[in-house]
PDB file of N, CA and C in Angstrom:
ATOM      1  N   MET A   1     103.034 111.679 156.532  1.00  0.00           N
ATOM      2  CA  MET A   1     103.236 112.443 155.318  1.00  0.00           C
ATOM      3  C   MET A   1     103.246 113.923 155.694  1.00  0.00           C
ATOM      4  N   PRO A   2     104.249 114.652 155.242  1.00  0.00           N
ATOM      5  CA  PRO A   2     104.328 116.072 155.588  1.00  0.00           C
ATOM      6  C   PRO A   2     103.120 116.854 155.054  1.00  0.00           C
ATOM      7  N   LYS A   3     102.751 117.906 155.805  1.00  0.00           N
ATOM      8  CA  LYS A   3     101.595 118.715 155.404  1.00  0.00           C
ATOM      9  C   LYS A   3     101.811 119.352 154.041  1.00  0.00           C
ATOM     10  N   THR A   4     103.030 119.778 153.762  1.00  0.00           N
ATOM     11  CA  THR A   4     103.310 120.423 152.481  1.00  0.00           C
ATOM     12  C   THR A   4     103.008 119.487 151.327  1.00  0.00           C
ATOM     13  N   LEU A   5     103.392 118.239 151.464  1.00  0.00           N
ATOM     14  CA  LEU A   5     103.141 117.253 150.427  1.00  0.00           C
ATOM     15  C   LEU A   5     101.641 117.057 150.227  1.00  0.00           C
ATOM     16  N   ILE A   6     100.903 117.021 151.314  1.00  0.00           N
ATOM     17  CA  ILE A   6      99.450 116.870 151.228  1.00  0.00           C
ATOM     18  C   ILE A   6      98.840 118.069 150.509  1.00  0.00           C
ATOM     19  N   TYR A   7      99.303 119.277 150.850  1.00  0.00           N
ATOM     20  CA  TYR A   7      98.789 120.480 150.195  1.00  0.00           C
ATOM     21  C   TYR A   7      99.106 120.487 148.708  1.00  0.00           C
ATOM     22  N   ILE A   8     100.281 120.033 148.350  1.00  0.00           N
ATOM     23  CA  ILE A   8     100.664 119.990 146.933  1.00  0.00           C
ATOM     24  C   ILE A   8      99.761 119.031 146.174  1.00  0.00           C
ATOM     25  N   ILE A   9      99.516 117.875 146.759  1.00  0.00           N
ATOM     26  CA  ILE A   9      98.656 116.883 146.110  1.00  0.00           C
ATOM     27  C   ILE A   9      97.238 117.433 145.957  1.00  0.00           C
ATOM     28  N   LEU A  10      96.706 118.025 147.019  1.00  0.00           N
ATOM     29  CA  LEU A  10      95.359 118.591 146.941  1.00  0.00           C
ATOM     30  C   LEU A  10      95.284 119.717 145.921  1.00  0.00           C
ATOM     31  N   PHE A  11      96.290 120.559 145.886  1.00  0.00           N
ATOM     32  CA  PHE A  11      96.332 121.667 144.930  1.00  0.00           C
ATOM     33  C   PHE A  11      96.304 121.140 143.505  1.00  0.00           C
ATOM     34  N   SER A  12      97.112 120.125 143.234  1.00  0.00           N
ATOM     35  CA  SER A  12      97.163 119.593 141.874  1.00  0.00           C
ATOM     36  C   SER A  12      95.858 118.894 141.491  1.00  0.00           C
ATOM     37  N   ILE A  13      95.228 118.235 142.451  1.00  0.00           N
ATOM     38  CA  ILE A  13      93.954 117.566 142.175  1.00  0.00           C
ATOM     39  C   ILE A  13      92.852 118.589 141.918  1.00  0.00           C
ATOM     40  N   LEU A  14      92.834 119.647 142.705  1.00  0.00           N
ATOM     41  CA  LEU A  14      91.787 120.661 142.554  1.00  0.00           C
ATOM     42  C   LEU A  14      91.939 121.475 141.277  1.00  0.00           C
ATOM     43  N   LEU A  15      93.160 121.778 140.874  1.00  0.00           N
ATOM     44  CA  LEU A  15      93.371 122.625 139.702  1.00  0.00           C
ATOM     45  C   LEU A  15      93.288 121.874 138.376  1.00  0.00           C
ATOM     46  N   SER A  16      93.578 120.607 138.388  1.00  0.00           N
ATOM     47  CA  SER A  16      93.640 119.854 137.130  1.00  0.00           C
ATOM     48  C   SER A  16      92.383 119.941 136.275  1.00  0.00           C
ATOM     49  N   PRO A  17      91.176 119.686 136.808  1.00  0.00           N
ATOM     50  CA  PRO A  17      89.986 119.741 135.940  1.00  0.00           C
ATOM     51  C   PRO A  17      89.741 121.124 135.350  1.00  0.00           C
ATOM     52  N   GLY A  18      89.869 122.177 136.163  1.00  0.00           N
ATOM     53  CA  GLY A  18      89.637 123.534 135.673  1.00  0.00           C
ATOM     54  C   GLY A  18      90.629 123.940 134.616  1.00  0.00           C
ATOM     55  N   LEU A  19      91.880 123.586 134.818  1.00  0.00           N
ATOM     56  CA  LEU A  19      92.899 123.952 133.839  1.00  0.00           C
ATOM     57  C   LEU A  19      92.753 123.137 132.559  1.00  0.00           C
ATOM     58  N   ALA A  20      92.346 121.898 132.682  1.00  0.00           N
ATOM     59  CA  ALA A  20      92.124 121.084 131.484  1.00  0.00           C
ATOM     60  C   ALA A  20      90.963 121.639 130.668  1.00  0.00           C
ATOM     61  N   LEU A  21      89.924 122.087 131.345  1.00  0.00           N
ATOM     62  CA  LEU A  21      88.780 122.688 130.665  1.00  0.00           C
ATOM     63  C   LEU A  21      89.184 123.978 129.959  1.00  0.00           C
ATOM     64  N   ALA A  22      89.984 124.797 130.623  1.00  0.00           N
ATOM     65  CA  ALA A  22      90.451 126.041 130.018  1.00  0.00           C
ATOM     66  C   ALA A  22      91.332 125.746 128.813  1.00  0.00           C
ATOM     67  N   LYS A  23      92.083 124.679 128.882  1.00  0.00           N
ATOM     68  CA  LYS A  23      92.938 124.302 127.759  1.00  0.00           C
ATOM     69  C   LYS A  23      92.087 123.927 126.547  1.00  0.00           C
ATOM     70  N   GLU A  24      90.981 123.236 126.786  1.00  0.00           N
ATOM     71  CA  GLU A  24      90.097 122.831 125.688  1.00  0.00           C
ATOM     72  C   GLU A  24      89.490 124.042 124.984  1.00  0.00           C
ATOM     73  N   GLU A  25      89.205 125.109 125.734  1.00  0.00           N
ATOM     74  CA  GLU A  25      88.602 126.304 125.149  1.00  0.00           C
ATOM     75  C   GLU A  25      89.630 127.207 124.468  1.00  0.00           C
ATOM     76  N   LYS A  26      90.898 126.904 124.633  1.00  0.00           N
ATOM     77  CA  LYS A  26      92.001 127.630 123.992  1.00  0.00           C
ATOM     78  C   LYS A  26      92.041 129.121 124.350  1.00  0.00           C
ATOM     79  N   LEU A  27      91.851 129.429 125.606  1.00  0.00           N
ATOM     80  CA  LEU A  27      92.012 130.801 126.057  1.00  0.00           C
ATOM     81  C   LEU A  27      93.503 131.060 126.256  1.00  0.00           C
ATOM     82  N   PRO A  28      94.050 132.087 125.641  1.00  0.00           N
ATOM     83  CA  PRO A  28      95.501 132.307 125.683  1.00  0.00           C
ATOM     84  C   PRO A  28      96.064 132.437 127.094  1.00  0.00           C
ATOM     85  N   ALA A  29      95.413 133.193 127.944  1.00  0.00           N
ATOM     86  CA  ALA A  29      95.931 133.367 129.304  1.00  0.00           C
ATOM     87  C   ALA A  29      95.910 132.036 130.047  1.00  0.00           C
ATOM     88  N   TRP A  30      94.799 131.307 129.886  1.00  0.00           N
ATOM     89  CA  TRP A  30      94.689 130.019 130.558  1.00  0.00           C
ATOM     90  C   TRP A  30      95.671 129.007 129.982  1.00  0.00           C
ATOM     91  N   GLU A  31      95.966 129.127 128.724  1.00  0.00           N
ATOM     92  CA  GLU A  31      96.958 128.234 128.117  1.00  0.00           C
ATOM     93  C   GLU A  31      98.308 128.401 128.786  1.00  0.00           C
ATOM     94  N   ASN A  32      98.688 129.646 129.011  1.00  0.00           N
ATOM     95  CA  ASN A  32      99.962 129.909 129.681  1.00  0.00           C
ATOM     96  C   ASN A  32      99.948 129.395 131.114  1.00  0.00           C
ATOM     97  N   ILE A  33      98.833 129.640 131.789  1.00  0.00           N
ATOM     98  CA  ILE A  33      98.716 129.158 133.169  1.00  0.00           C
ATOM     99  C   ILE A  33      98.745 127.630 133.190  1.00  0.00           C
ATOM    100  N   TRP A  34      98.042 127.010 132.239  1.00  0.00           N
ATOM    101  CA  TRP A  34      98.008 125.545 132.172  1.00  0.00           C
ATOM    102  C   TRP A  34      99.405 124.976 131.942  1.00  0.00           C
ATOM    103  N   SER A  35     100.140 125.527 131.000  1.00  0.00           N
ATOM    104  CA  SER A  35     101.465 124.983 130.704  1.00  0.00           C
ATOM    105  C   SER A  35     102.404 125.172 131.897  1.00  0.00           C
ATOM    106  N   TRP A  36     102.318 126.344 132.552  1.00  0.00           N
ATOM    107  CA  TRP A  36     103.172 126.582 133.714  1.00  0.00           C
ATOM    108  C   TRP A  36     102.798 125.623 134.849  1.00  0.00           C
ATOM    109  N   THR A  37     101.495 125.482 135.126  1.00  0.00           N
ATOM    110  CA  THR A  37     101.039 124.615 136.208  1.00  0.00           C
ATOM    111  C   THR A  37     101.359 123.152 135.916  1.00  0.00           C
ATOM    112  N   LYS A  38     101.160 122.748 134.677  1.00  0.00           N
ATOM    113  CA  LYS A  38     101.458 121.368 134.297  1.00  0.00           C
ATOM    114  C   LYS A  38     102.942 121.067 134.505  1.00  0.00           C
ATOM    115  N   GLU A  39     103.781 122.001 134.117  1.00  0.00           N
ATOM    116  CA  GLU A  39     105.230 121.834 134.288  1.00  0.00           C
ATOM    117  C   GLU A  39     105.584 121.712 135.768  1.00  0.00           C
ATOM    118  N   LYS A  40     104.999 122.568 136.599  1.00  0.00           N
ATOM    119  CA  LYS A  40     105.279 122.539 138.046  1.00  0.00           C
ATOM    120  C   LYS A  40     104.738 121.261 138.681  1.00  0.00           C
ATOM    121  N   MET A  41     103.532 120.843 138.264  1.00  0.00           N
ATOM    122  CA  MET A  41     102.959 119.615 138.825  1.00  0.00           C
ATOM    123  C   MET A  41     103.817 118.407 138.459  1.00  0.00           C
ATOM    124  N   LEU A  42     104.300 118.346 137.231  1.00  0.00           N
ATOM    125  CA  LEU A  42     105.168 117.231 136.834  1.00  0.00           C
ATOM    126  C   LEU A  42     106.459 117.238 137.636  1.00  0.00           C
ATOM    127  N   LEU A  43     107.001 118.414 137.861  1.00  0.00           N
ATOM    128  CA  LEU A  43     108.220 118.532 138.658  1.00  0.00           C
ATOM    129  C   LEU A  43     107.977 118.051 140.087  1.00  0.00           C
ATOM    130  N   ILE A  44     106.840 118.459 140.649  1.00  0.00           N
ATOM    131  CA  ILE A  44     106.490 118.050 142.013  1.00  0.00           C
ATOM    132  C   ILE A  44     106.282 116.547 142.079  1.00  0.00           C
ATOM    133  N   TRP A  45     105.552 115.983 141.107  1.00  0.00           N
ATOM    134  CA  TRP A  45     105.318 114.539 141.115  1.00  0.00           C
ATOM    135  C   TRP A  45     106.620 113.767 140.939  1.00  0.00           C
ATOM    136  N   ASP A  46     107.556 114.313 140.165  1.00  0.00           N
ATOM    137  CA  ASP A  46     108.866 113.662 140.029  1.00  0.00           C
ATOM    138  C   ASP A  46     109.597 113.638 141.366  1.00  0.00           C
ATOM    139  N   LYS A  47     109.521 114.743 142.102  1.00  0.00           N
ATOM    140  CA  LYS A  47     110.164 114.798 143.423  1.00  0.00           C
ATOM    141  C   LYS A  47     109.509 113.820 144.392  1.00  0.00           C
ATOM    142  N   ILE A  48     108.178 113.758 144.347  1.00  0.00           N
ATOM    143  CA  ILE A  48     107.463 112.815 145.209  1.00  0.00           C
ATOM    144  C   ILE A  48     107.877 111.387 144.869  1.00  0.00           C
ATOM    145  N   TYR A  49     107.966 111.093 143.580  1.00  0.00           N
ATOM    146  CA  TYR A  49     108.374 109.756 143.144  1.00  0.00           C
ATOM    147  C   TYR A  49     109.771 109.419 143.665  1.00  0.00           C
ATOM    148  N   LEU A  50     110.697 110.370 143.565  1.00  0.00           N
ATOM    149  CA  LEU A  50     112.055 110.124 144.047  1.00  0.00           C
ATOM    150  C   LEU A  50     112.073 109.851 145.546  1.00  0.00           C
ATOM    151  N   ILE A  51     111.298 110.625 146.293  1.00  0.00           N
ATOM    152  CA  ILE A  51     111.240 110.424 147.743  1.00  0.00           C
ATOM    153  C   ILE A  51     110.669 109.050 148.071  1.00  0.00           C
ATOM    154  N   LEU A  52     109.563 108.703 147.425  1.00  0.00           N
ATOM    155  CA  LEU A  52     108.939 107.412 147.697  1.00  0.00           C
ATOM    156  C   LEU A  52     109.817 106.253 147.236  1.00  0.00           C
ATOM    157  N   ASN A  53     110.493 106.435 146.115  1.00  0.00           N
ATOM    158  CA  ASN A  53     111.371 105.390 145.605  1.00  0.00           C
ATOM    159  C   ASN A  53     112.518 105.125 146.576  1.00  0.00           C
ATOM    160  N   LYS A  54     113.086 106.186 147.152  1.00  0.00           N
ATOM    161  CA  LYS A  54     114.154 106.015 148.143  1.00  0.00           C
ATOM    162  C   LYS A  54     113.642 105.241 149.350  1.00  0.00           C
ATOM    163  N   GLU A  55     112.431 105.578 149.793  1.00  0.00           N
ATOM    164  CA  GLU A  55     111.851 104.895 150.952  1.00  0.00           C
ATOM    165  C   GLU A  55     111.609 103.418 150.647  1.00  0.00           C
ATOM    166  N   VAL A  56     111.121 103.119 149.458  1.00  0.00           N
ATOM    167  CA  VAL A  56     110.881 101.734 149.065  1.00  0.00           C
ATOM    168  C   VAL A  56     112.196 100.961 149.035  1.00  0.00           C
ATOM    169  N   GLU A  57     113.211 101.546 148.425  1.00  0.00           N
ATOM    170  CA  GLU A  57     114.522 100.881 148.359  1.00  0.00           C
ATOM    171  C   GLU A  57     115.101 100.688 149.755  1.00  0.00           C
ATOM    172  N   HIS A  58     114.853 101.636 150.634  1.00  0.00           N
ATOM    173  CA  HIS A  58     115.352 101.533 152.007  1.00  0.00           C
ATOM    174  C   HIS A  58     114.677 100.384 152.755  1.00  0.00           C
ATOM    175  N   ARG A  59     113.398 100.156 152.489  1.00  0.00           N
ATOM    176  CA  ARG A  59     112.631  99.136 153.211  1.00  0.00           C
ATOM    177  C   ARG A  59     112.695  97.754 152.571  1.00  0.00           C
ATOM    178  N   LYS A  60     113.221  97.629 151.369  1.00  0.00           N
ATOM    179  CA  LYS A  60     113.227  96.344 150.666  1.00  0.00           C
ATOM    180  C   LYS A  60     113.899  95.216 151.451  1.00  0.00           C
ATOM    181  N   PRO A  61     115.123  95.404 151.948  1.00  0.00           N
ATOM    182  CA  PRO A  61     115.769  94.289 152.663  1.00  0.00           C
ATOM    183  C   PRO A  61     114.963  93.810 153.876  1.00  0.00           C
ATOM    184  N   ALA A  62     114.419  94.748 154.637  1.00  0.00           N
ATOM    185  CA  ALA A  62     113.633  94.366 155.812  1.00  0.00           C
ATOM    186  C   ALA A  62     112.370  93.620 155.394  1.00  0.00           C
ATOM    187  N   THR A  63     111.774  94.040 154.295  1.00  0.00           N
ATOM    188  CA  THR A  63     110.569  93.388 153.806  1.00  0.00           C
ATOM    189  C   THR A  63     110.872  91.966 153.350  1.00  0.00           C
ATOM    190  N   LYS A  64     111.995  91.801 152.663  1.00  0.00           N
ATOM    191  CA  LYS A  64     112.381  90.452 152.223  1.00  0.00           C
ATOM    192  C   LYS A  64     112.613  89.545 153.418  1.00  0.00           C
ATOM    193  N   GLN A  65     113.282  90.055 154.445  1.00  0.00           N
ATOM    194  CA  GLN A  65     113.538  89.258 155.641  1.00  0.00           C
ATOM    195  C   GLN A  65     112.217  88.885 156.319  1.00  0.00           C
ATOM    196  N   GLU A  66     111.306  89.829 156.395  1.00  0.00           N
ATOM    197  CA  GLU A  66     110.000  89.572 157.014  1.00  0.00           C
ATOM    198  C   GLU A  66     109.225  88.521 156.223  1.00  0.00           C
ATOM    199  N   LEU A  67     109.297  88.587 154.908  1.00  0.00           N
ATOM    200  CA  LEU A  67     108.619  87.615 154.063  1.00  0.00           C
ATOM    201  C   LEU A  67     109.184  86.208 154.271  1.00  0.00           C
ATOM    202  N   ILE A  68     110.494  86.107 154.347  1.00  0.00           N
ATOM    203  CA  ILE A  68     111.129  84.807 154.591  1.00  0.00           C
ATOM    204  C   ILE A  68     110.706  84.260 155.953  1.00  0.00           C
ATOM    205  N   LYS A  69     110.694  85.132 156.951  1.00  0.00           N
ATOM    206  CA  LYS A  69     110.303  84.726 158.308  1.00  0.00           C
ATOM    207  C   LYS A  69     108.850  84.231 158.329  1.00  0.00           C
ATOM    208  N   GLU A  70     107.950  84.967 157.688  1.00  0.00           N
ATOM    209  CA  GLU A  70     106.543  84.573 157.666  1.00  0.00           C
ATOM    210  C   GLU A  70     106.339  83.281 156.878  1.00  0.00           C
ATOM    211  N   THR A  71     107.111  83.093 155.813  1.00  0.00           N
ATOM    212  CA  THR A  71     107.020  81.859 155.027  1.00  0.00           C
ATOM    213  C   THR A  71     107.407  80.661 155.891  1.00  0.00           C
ATOM    214  N   GLU A  72     108.462  80.811 156.660  1.00  0.00           N
ATOM    215  CA  GLU A  72     108.894  79.718 157.537  1.00  0.00           C
ATOM    216  C   GLU A  72     107.841  79.435 158.613  1.00  0.00           C
ATOM    217  N   GLU A  73     107.237  80.496 159.144  1.00  0.00           N
ATOM    218  CA  GLU A  73     106.189  80.294 160.148  1.00  0.00           C
ATOM    219  C   GLU A  73     104.995  79.547 159.556  1.00  0.00           C
ATOM    220  N   ILE A  74     104.616  79.886 158.363  1.00  0.00           N
ATOM    221  CA  ILE A  74     103.489  79.214 157.707  1.00  0.00           C
ATOM    222  C   ILE A  74     103.826  77.751 157.437  1.00  0.00           C
ATOM    223  N   LYS A  75     105.046  77.488 156.989  1.00  0.00           N
ATOM    224  CA  LYS A  75     105.460  76.104 156.753  1.00  0.00           C
ATOM    225  C   LYS A  75     105.399  75.310 158.047  1.00  0.00           C
ATOM    226  N   GLN A  76     105.829  75.918 159.134  1.00  0.00           N
ATOM    227  CA  GLN A  76     105.809  75.241 160.428  1.00  0.00           C
ATOM    228  C   GLN A  76     104.366  74.957 160.866  1.00  0.00           C
ATOM    229  N   GLU A  77     103.479  75.922 160.668  1.00  0.00           N
ATOM    230  CA  GLU A  77     102.072  75.714 161.023  1.00  0.00           C
ATOM    231  C   GLU A  77     101.460  74.585 160.208  1.00  0.00           C
ATOM    232  N   ILE A  78     101.799  74.519 158.942  1.00  0.00           N
ATOM    233  CA  ILE A  78     101.272  73.455 158.084  1.00  0.00           C
ATOM    234  C   ILE A  78     101.756  72.097 158.584  1.00  0.00           C
ATOM    235  N   LYS A  79     103.040  72.010 158.952  1.00  0.00           N
ATOM    236  CA  LYS A  79     103.574  70.740 159.455  1.00  0.00           C
ATOM    237  C   LYS A  79     102.872  70.314 160.740  1.00  0.00           C
ATOM    238  N   GLU A  80     102.541  71.303 161.581  1.00  0.00           N
ATOM    239  CA  GLU A  80     101.878  70.980 162.846  1.00  0.00           C
ATOM    240  C   GLU A  80     100.421  70.581 162.645  1.00  0.00           C
ATOM    241  N   GLN A  81      99.748  71.223 161.693  1.00  0.00           N
ATOM    242  CA  GLN A  81      98.320  70.997 161.541  1.00  0.00           C
ATOM    243  C   GLN A  81      97.972  69.930 160.504  1.00  0.00           C
ATOM    244  N   ALA A  82      98.888  69.563 159.655  1.00  0.00           N
ATOM    245  CA  ALA A  82      98.593  68.585 158.604  1.00  0.00           C
ATOM    246  C   ALA A  82      98.131  67.242 159.162  1.00  0.00           C
ATOM    247  N   PRO A  83      98.791  66.684 160.171  1.00  0.00           N
ATOM    248  CA  PRO A  83      98.302  65.386 160.684  1.00  0.00           C
ATOM    249  C   PRO A  83      96.874  65.473 161.235  1.00  0.00           C
ATOM    250  N   SER A  84      96.540  66.559 161.903  1.00  0.00           N
ATOM    251  CA  SER A  84      95.188  66.656 162.458  1.00  0.00           C
ATOM    252  C   SER A  84      94.156  66.817 161.333  1.00  0.00           C
ATOM    253  N   LEU A  85      94.513  67.505 160.290  1.00  0.00           N
ATOM    254  CA  LEU A  85      93.608  67.626 159.149  1.00  0.00           C
ATOM    255  C   LEU A  85      93.407  66.266 158.483  1.00  0.00           C
ATOM    256  N   TRP A  86      94.476  65.518 158.361  1.00  0.00           N
ATOM    257  CA  TRP A  86      94.382  64.185 157.768  1.00  0.00           C
ATOM    258  C   TRP A  86      93.497  63.280 158.636  1.00  0.00           C
ATOM    259  N   GLN A  87      93.655  63.404 159.930  1.00  0.00           N
ATOM    260  CA  GLN A  87      92.844  62.604 160.844  1.00  0.00           C
ATOM    261  C   GLN A  87      91.373  62.998 160.729  1.00  0.00           C
ATOM    262  N   ARG A  88      91.079  64.255 160.613  1.00  0.00           N
ATOM    263  CA  ARG A  88      89.697  64.705 160.442  1.00  0.00           C
ATOM    264  C   ARG A  88      89.093  64.142 159.163  1.00  0.00           C
ATOM    265  N   LEU A  89      89.873  64.129 158.096  1.00  0.00           N
ATOM    266  CA  LEU A  89      89.397  63.579 156.829  1.00  0.00           C
ATOM    267  C   LEU A  89      89.098  62.084 156.977  1.00  0.00           C
ATOM    268  N   LYS A  90      89.982  61.372 157.676  1.00  0.00           N
ATOM    269  CA  LYS A  90      89.744  59.954 157.921  1.00  0.00           C
ATOM    270  C   LYS A  90      88.467  59.745 158.732  1.00  0.00           C
ATOM    271  N   ASP A  91      88.277  60.572 159.739  1.00  0.00           N
ATOM    272  CA  ASP A  91      87.082  60.445 160.578  1.00  0.00           C
ATOM    273  C   ASP A  91      85.808  60.716 159.805  1.00  0.00           C
ATOM    274  N   LEU A  92      85.851  61.631 158.852  1.00  0.00           N
ATOM    275  CA  LEU A  92      84.683  61.923 158.042  1.00  0.00           C
ATOM    276  C   LEU A  92      84.307  60.755 157.138  1.00  0.00           C
ATOM    277  N   THR A  93      85.290  60.011 156.678  1.00  0.00           N
ATOM    278  CA  THR A  93      85.003  58.889 155.772  1.00  0.00           C
ATOM    279  C   THR A  93      84.520  57.644 156.515  1.00  0.00           C
ATOM    280  N   LYS A  94      84.645  57.602 157.808  1.00  0.00           N
ATOM    281  CA  LYS A  94      84.212  56.420 158.577  1.00  0.00           C
ATOM    282  C   LYS A  94      82.730  56.362 158.730  1.00  0.00           C
TER     283      LYS A  94
END
């Protein structure tokens, strides 16, 4: 994750409580700062969402292929181990 993105996230996390508190007290200067900061934070989060969404869409086909491959491996393991499990169950009942 780029450092700039990390700084933006930290900045928005650190400023949110203070600005929300100032908004509750209805201080005019803080109201302007809150509205400007809120607008910028929403814009930044929208950009982050777009970046992450592109990455998710880019990785989807590979993920689906990996899931299919792992499913087949699990099915194969079950076929190999099922007879031995059945034999163990038979041995327990004897």
